[in-house]
Amino acid sequence: MVDDKDSRELLPIGKAAEAAGVSKQTLQYYLMVGLIEPTRRSEGGRQLFDMDSIERIRLVKRLNDGGYPLREIREIFLRDKKFL
């Protein structure tokens, strides 16, 4: 069971995307290519994200904006487990 504090800190995909400074479609793409995973799914199947996930989304965006291809970012994350 999720307590009230946890549920307040989890954001649905649209709000998580907004908080991270990306579009919902961008976040959906990051999910599809395996750069991000939802923190949890609601009973109805909605993807929910915590602040750690939002920070990771921001990191992916910064790296990609800095010239790193998403494929390379994913490989970095897979090599360096501290990003997982």
N, C-alpha and C. Protein backbone atom coordinates (compact mmCIF):
# COMPACT_ATOMS: atom_id res chain seq x y z
N MET A 1 0.84 -1.18 0.00
CA MET A 1 0.00 0.00 0.00
C MET A 1 0.88 1.24 0.00
N VAL A 2 0.50 2.25 -0.77
CA VAL A 2 1.25 3.49 -0.89
C VAL A 2 0.68 4.50 0.10
N ASP A 3 1.57 5.12 0.91
CA ASP A 3 1.05 6.11 1.84
C ASP A 3 0.84 7.45 1.11
N ASP A 4 0.15 8.39 1.76
CA ASP A 4 -0.19 9.65 1.12
C ASP A 4 1.04 10.43 0.67
N LYS A 5 2.09 10.41 1.45
CA LYS A 5 3.30 11.13 1.10
C LYS A 5 3.87 10.61 -0.22
N ASP A 6 3.97 9.28 -0.38
CA ASP A 6 4.48 8.70 -1.62
C ASP A 6 3.61 9.07 -2.80
N SER A 7 2.31 9.00 -2.64
CA SER A 7 1.42 9.24 -3.76
C SER A 7 1.48 10.70 -4.21
N ARG A 8 1.74 11.64 -3.29
CA ARG A 8 1.88 13.05 -3.67
C ARG A 8 3.16 13.28 -4.46
N GLU A 9 4.17 12.49 -4.22
CA GLU A 9 5.46 12.68 -4.88
C GLU A 9 5.53 12.00 -6.24
N LEU A 10 4.56 11.20 -6.59
CA LEU A 10 4.54 10.52 -7.87
C LEU A 10 3.69 11.30 -8.86
N LEU A 11 4.26 11.56 -10.03
CA LEU A 11 3.57 12.35 -11.04
C LEU A 11 3.22 11.49 -12.25
N PRO A 12 2.05 11.71 -12.84
CA PRO A 12 1.72 11.01 -14.09
C PRO A 12 2.61 11.54 -15.22
N ILE A 13 2.63 10.85 -16.32
CA ILE A 13 3.58 11.13 -17.40
C ILE A 13 3.54 12.57 -17.89
N GLY A 14 2.38 13.16 -18.06
CA GLY A 14 2.30 14.53 -18.54
C GLY A 14 2.91 15.53 -17.59
N LYS A 15 2.61 15.38 -16.31
CA LYS A 15 3.16 16.30 -15.30
C LYS A 15 4.65 16.05 -15.09
N ALA A 16 5.08 14.79 -15.19
CA ALA A 16 6.51 14.47 -15.07
C ALA A 16 7.28 15.09 -16.23
N ALA A 17 6.73 15.00 -17.43
CA ALA A 17 7.38 15.59 -18.59
C ALA A 17 7.50 17.10 -18.41
N GLU A 18 6.42 17.72 -17.97
CA GLU A 18 6.43 19.17 -17.74
C GLU A 18 7.47 19.54 -16.69
N ALA A 19 7.52 18.79 -15.59
CA ALA A 19 8.49 19.08 -14.53
C ALA A 19 9.92 18.91 -15.00
N ALA A 20 10.14 18.00 -15.94
CA ALA A 20 11.49 17.74 -16.44
C ALA A 20 11.87 18.65 -17.61
N GLY A 21 10.90 19.38 -18.15
CA GLY A 21 11.19 20.30 -19.24
C GLY A 21 11.22 19.67 -20.61
N VAL A 22 10.49 18.56 -20.77
CA VAL A 22 10.38 17.90 -22.07
C VAL A 22 8.90 17.74 -22.41
N SER A 23 8.62 17.41 -23.66
CA SER A 23 7.24 17.16 -24.04
C SER A 23 6.84 15.75 -23.59
N LYS A 24 5.55 15.53 -23.53
CA LYS A 24 5.06 14.20 -23.19
C LYS A 24 5.52 13.18 -24.23
N GLN A 25 5.53 13.59 -25.49
CA GLN A 25 5.96 12.70 -26.57
C GLN A 25 7.44 12.34 -26.42
N THR A 26 8.25 13.31 -26.00
CA THR A 26 9.68 13.04 -25.78
C THR A 26 9.85 12.02 -24.66
N LEU A 27 9.13 12.22 -23.57
CA LEU A 27 9.22 11.27 -22.46
C LEU A 27 8.74 9.90 -22.88
N GLN A 28 7.68 9.83 -23.67
CA GLN A 28 7.21 8.53 -24.17
C GLN A 28 8.28 7.86 -25.03
N TYR A 29 9.01 8.65 -25.81
CA TYR A 29 10.09 8.10 -26.63
C TYR A 29 11.22 7.59 -25.75
N TYR A 30 11.60 8.35 -24.73
CA TYR A 30 12.63 7.90 -23.80
C TYR A 30 12.23 6.57 -23.16
N LEU A 31 10.96 6.43 -22.84
CA LEU A 31 10.46 5.16 -22.28
C LEU A 31 10.59 4.04 -23.30
N MET A 32 10.19 4.33 -24.53
CA MET A 32 10.19 3.31 -25.59
C MET A 32 11.60 2.79 -25.87
N VAL A 33 12.60 3.67 -25.85
CA VAL A 33 13.96 3.24 -26.18
C VAL A 33 14.73 2.77 -24.95
N GLY A 34 14.09 2.77 -23.78
CA GLY A 34 14.71 2.19 -22.60
C GLY A 34 15.61 3.10 -21.80
N LEU A 35 15.48 4.42 -21.98
CA LEU A 35 16.29 5.35 -21.21
C LEU A 35 15.69 5.62 -19.84
N ILE A 36 14.40 5.50 -19.74
CA ILE A 36 13.66 5.81 -18.51
C ILE A 36 12.67 4.68 -18.26
N GLU A 37 12.42 4.42 -17.00
CA GLU A 37 11.35 3.50 -16.61
C GLU A 37 10.48 4.20 -15.58
N PRO A 38 9.18 3.95 -15.61
CA PRO A 38 8.34 4.58 -14.59
C PRO A 38 8.71 4.05 -13.21
N THR A 39 8.54 4.89 -12.21
CA THR A 39 8.80 4.50 -10.84
C THR A 39 7.81 3.43 -10.41
N ARG A 40 6.59 3.60 -10.85
CA ARG A 40 5.50 2.71 -10.44
C ARG A 40 4.37 2.86 -11.44
N ARG A 41 3.49 1.90 -11.44
CA ARG A 41 2.25 2.00 -12.22
C ARG A 41 1.09 2.02 -11.24
N SER A 42 0.11 2.84 -11.55
CA SER A 42 -1.09 2.90 -10.71
C SER A 42 -1.90 1.63 -10.93
N GLU A 43 -2.90 1.44 -10.10
CA GLU A 43 -3.77 0.27 -10.27
C GLU A 43 -4.42 0.27 -11.64
N GLY A 44 -4.64 1.45 -12.20
CA GLY A 44 -5.23 1.57 -13.53
C GLY A 44 -4.21 1.46 -14.66
N GLY A 45 -2.94 1.27 -14.30
CA GLY A 45 -1.90 1.11 -15.31
C GLY A 45 -1.19 2.38 -15.73
N ARG A 46 -1.52 3.51 -15.09
CA ARG A 46 -0.86 4.77 -15.43
C ARG A 46 0.58 4.76 -14.94
N GLN A 47 1.47 5.28 -15.78
CA GLN A 47 2.88 5.36 -15.42
C GLN A 47 3.08 6.56 -14.50
N LEU A 48 3.78 6.33 -13.39
CA LEU A 48 4.03 7.37 -12.39
C LEU A 48 5.53 7.52 -12.18
N PHE A 49 5.95 8.76 -11.95
CA PHE A 49 7.37 9.07 -11.85
C PHE A 49 7.67 9.86 -10.59
N ASP A 50 8.80 9.52 -9.93
CA ASP A 50 9.23 10.26 -8.74
C ASP A 50 10.28 11.30 -9.15
N MET A 51 10.77 12.04 -8.17
CA MET A 51 11.74 13.10 -8.46
C MET A 51 13.07 12.55 -8.99
N ASP A 52 13.47 11.37 -8.58
CA ASP A 52 14.69 10.77 -9.13
C ASP A 52 14.53 10.51 -10.63
N SER A 53 13.36 10.04 -11.02
CA SER A 53 13.09 9.80 -12.44
C SER A 53 13.09 11.11 -13.22
N ILE A 54 12.52 12.14 -12.63
CA ILE A 54 12.49 13.44 -13.29
C ILE A 54 13.90 13.98 -13.47
N GLU A 55 14.76 13.80 -12.47
CA GLU A 55 16.16 14.21 -12.61
C GLU A 55 16.86 13.43 -13.72
N ARG A 56 16.55 12.16 -13.85
CA ARG A 56 17.15 11.35 -14.92
C ARG A 56 16.67 11.84 -16.28
N ILE A 57 15.40 12.19 -16.40
CA ILE A 57 14.87 12.72 -17.66
C ILE A 57 15.61 14.00 -18.01
N ARG A 58 15.82 14.86 -17.02
CA ARG A 58 16.57 16.11 -17.24
C ARG A 58 17.99 15.82 -17.70
N LEU A 59 18.63 14.82 -17.10
CA LEU A 59 19.99 14.44 -17.48
C LEU A 59 20.02 13.96 -18.93
N VAL A 60 19.08 13.12 -19.31
CA VAL A 60 19.03 12.63 -20.69
C VAL A 60 18.88 13.81 -21.65
N LYS A 61 17.99 14.73 -21.31
CA LYS A 61 17.78 15.90 -22.17
C LYS A 61 19.05 16.73 -22.29
N ARG A 62 19.73 16.99 -21.16
CA ARG A 62 20.96 17.78 -21.20
C ARG A 62 22.03 17.10 -22.06
N LEU A 63 22.20 15.80 -21.87
CA LEU A 63 23.20 15.07 -22.65
C LEU A 63 22.85 15.10 -24.13
N ASN A 64 21.58 14.87 -24.45
CA ASN A 64 21.15 14.87 -25.85
C ASN A 64 21.30 16.26 -26.46
N ASP A 65 20.92 17.29 -25.71
CA ASP A 65 21.08 18.67 -26.20
C ASP A 65 22.55 19.01 -26.40
N GLY A 66 23.41 18.35 -25.61
CA GLY A 66 24.85 18.58 -25.71
C GLY A 66 25.52 17.80 -26.83
N GLY A 67 24.75 17.03 -27.58
CA GLY A 67 25.30 16.34 -28.74
C GLY A 67 25.40 14.83 -28.64
N TYR A 68 25.09 14.26 -27.48
CA TYR A 68 25.14 12.81 -27.35
C TYR A 68 23.88 12.19 -27.96
N PRO A 69 24.04 11.22 -28.85
CA PRO A 69 22.86 10.52 -29.39
C PRO A 69 22.21 9.68 -28.28
N LEU A 70 20.91 9.50 -28.38
CA LEU A 70 20.19 8.73 -27.35
C LEU A 70 20.75 7.31 -27.22
N ARG A 71 21.16 6.72 -28.29
CA ARG A 71 21.73 5.36 -28.24
C ARG A 71 22.98 5.35 -27.36
N GLU A 72 23.82 6.36 -27.52
CA GLU A 72 25.04 6.43 -26.72
C GLU A 72 24.72 6.69 -25.24
N ILE A 73 23.73 7.53 -24.98
CA ILE A 73 23.31 7.80 -23.60
C ILE A 73 22.84 6.50 -22.95
N ARG A 74 22.05 5.73 -23.67
CA ARG A 74 21.57 4.45 -23.14
C ARG A 74 22.74 3.52 -22.84
N GLU A 75 23.72 3.47 -23.72
CA GLU A 75 24.90 2.61 -23.50
C GLU A 75 25.69 3.06 -22.27
N ILE A 76 25.81 4.38 -22.08
CA ILE A 76 26.49 4.90 -20.90
C ILE A 76 25.75 4.45 -19.64
N PHE A 77 24.44 4.57 -19.66
CA PHE A 77 23.64 4.16 -18.51
C PHE A 77 23.78 2.67 -18.22
N LEU A 78 23.83 1.87 -19.27
CA LEU A 78 23.97 0.42 -19.09
C LEU A 78 25.36 0.06 -18.55
N ARG A 79 26.38 0.79 -18.99
CA ARG A 79 27.75 0.52 -18.52
C ARG A 79 27.96 0.96 -17.08
N ASP A 80 27.40 2.10 -16.74
CA ASP A 80 27.62 2.69 -15.43
C ASP A 80 26.34 2.54 -14.60
N LYS A 81 26.28 1.51 -13.79
CA LYS A 81 25.06 1.14 -13.07
C LYS A 81 24.57 2.22 -12.10
N LYS A 82 25.41 3.20 -11.76
CA LYS A 82 24.94 4.23 -10.82
C LYS A 82 23.84 5.08 -11.44
N PHE A 83 23.71 5.05 -12.78
CA PHE A 83 22.65 5.81 -13.44
C PHE A 83 21.34 5.04 -13.48
N LEU A 84 21.38 3.75 -13.17
CA LEU A 84 20.15 2.95 -13.23
C LEU A 84 19.34 3.07 -11.99
